[in-house]
Amino acid sequence: MRQLRDDTHLILDGEVRVYRRERSKRWQASFNIDGHTIRISTGKRDLNEAKEYARETFLEYKFRHKNDLPVVTKKFSDVAKLAIADMRKQLDAGLGRKVFADYIVCIERYLIPFFGAQFVTTIDYEKVQQFYEWRRAKMGDAPRHLLMTLTGKTGYRKSASLNAAVDIFEKQRLMNVNAKPTDYVFMPEYTNRTTATNTYRRIFNHFLQETGLKKDKDGKDRSPYSLRHYALQTRLVKSDGKVNIYWLAENAGTSVDQLERFYLKNLAPSAAKVRNIQSFGDG
């Protein structure tokens, strides 16, 4: 039988080897799972504590293998760098999509700095939400928005979204990872946009019916177009009188006159407006 060194110990019927490297005070461990040699540092100086840590880790790996979970996990940065290399290879060969260049910038600028040291199997919903908060703080005062080119009654125009639309857009991209830059944002699987619009309208009406919001205060039916009225009125109210009404009208593809006639007349006075009305000046 092979003689073990004084700094090497076997546990669990020899399935796990606990050992200490030369000039190291902390114990290591190694074992085989599904043909993979797993080496870990227990981080322990005490041999009994190291054995217990190695035993628990081995059993955890056995559980993962039994339940068809990844045995060998990688850090996010390792996977991200492989993805970047593959996309660059496709771009260089003229086979990759143009959006790959944007993906690479996003991964290098935001994803790797935040998720890089984390194992991909530990990234959950909570950590994704933490990422959104971190990114907002990183971007500081720079206003996040989507710049849209729209067509309407007055022809083509540019319109800027609120920053909340950025997260919604990015979630749509994650839901449709194979989408092309020219695809529609919502329901891209419907090439017939009349069908897509009717499907969206049915879903919208279903929510209104379920929540008892189908009728407005005047007894009129609400429709998807009602969201435009709600958005403009909310922007006016939430700004506490600070939003530039001309810029808001221009961004929405309407006029100040239209805002005043159809959006402002039914609004309750804001706190800022009441304060202004009640003021007597500085004198």
Foldseek 3Di string as FASTA:
>chain_A
DDDDDPQWDAPPVRQKIWGADPPGQFIKMWGDDPNDIDIGTQRDNDPVSSVVSRVVVVVVLVVCVVVVHDSDWDFPQVVLVVLLVVQVVCVVVVNHAPCSVVVNCCCVVQVCVQRVRPTPVPDDPVSVVVSVVVVDVVVPPDFAWDWDWDQDPVGTDIATDHNVVVVVQVVLCVVVVPDHPPADSPPSVDPPVVVVVVVVFVVVVVVCVVVVNQADPVRDGDTPVVVVLVVLLCVCQVVLNPDDLQVSQRNSVHGSVCCVVPRVPPDDRHPSRVCVVPDPDPD
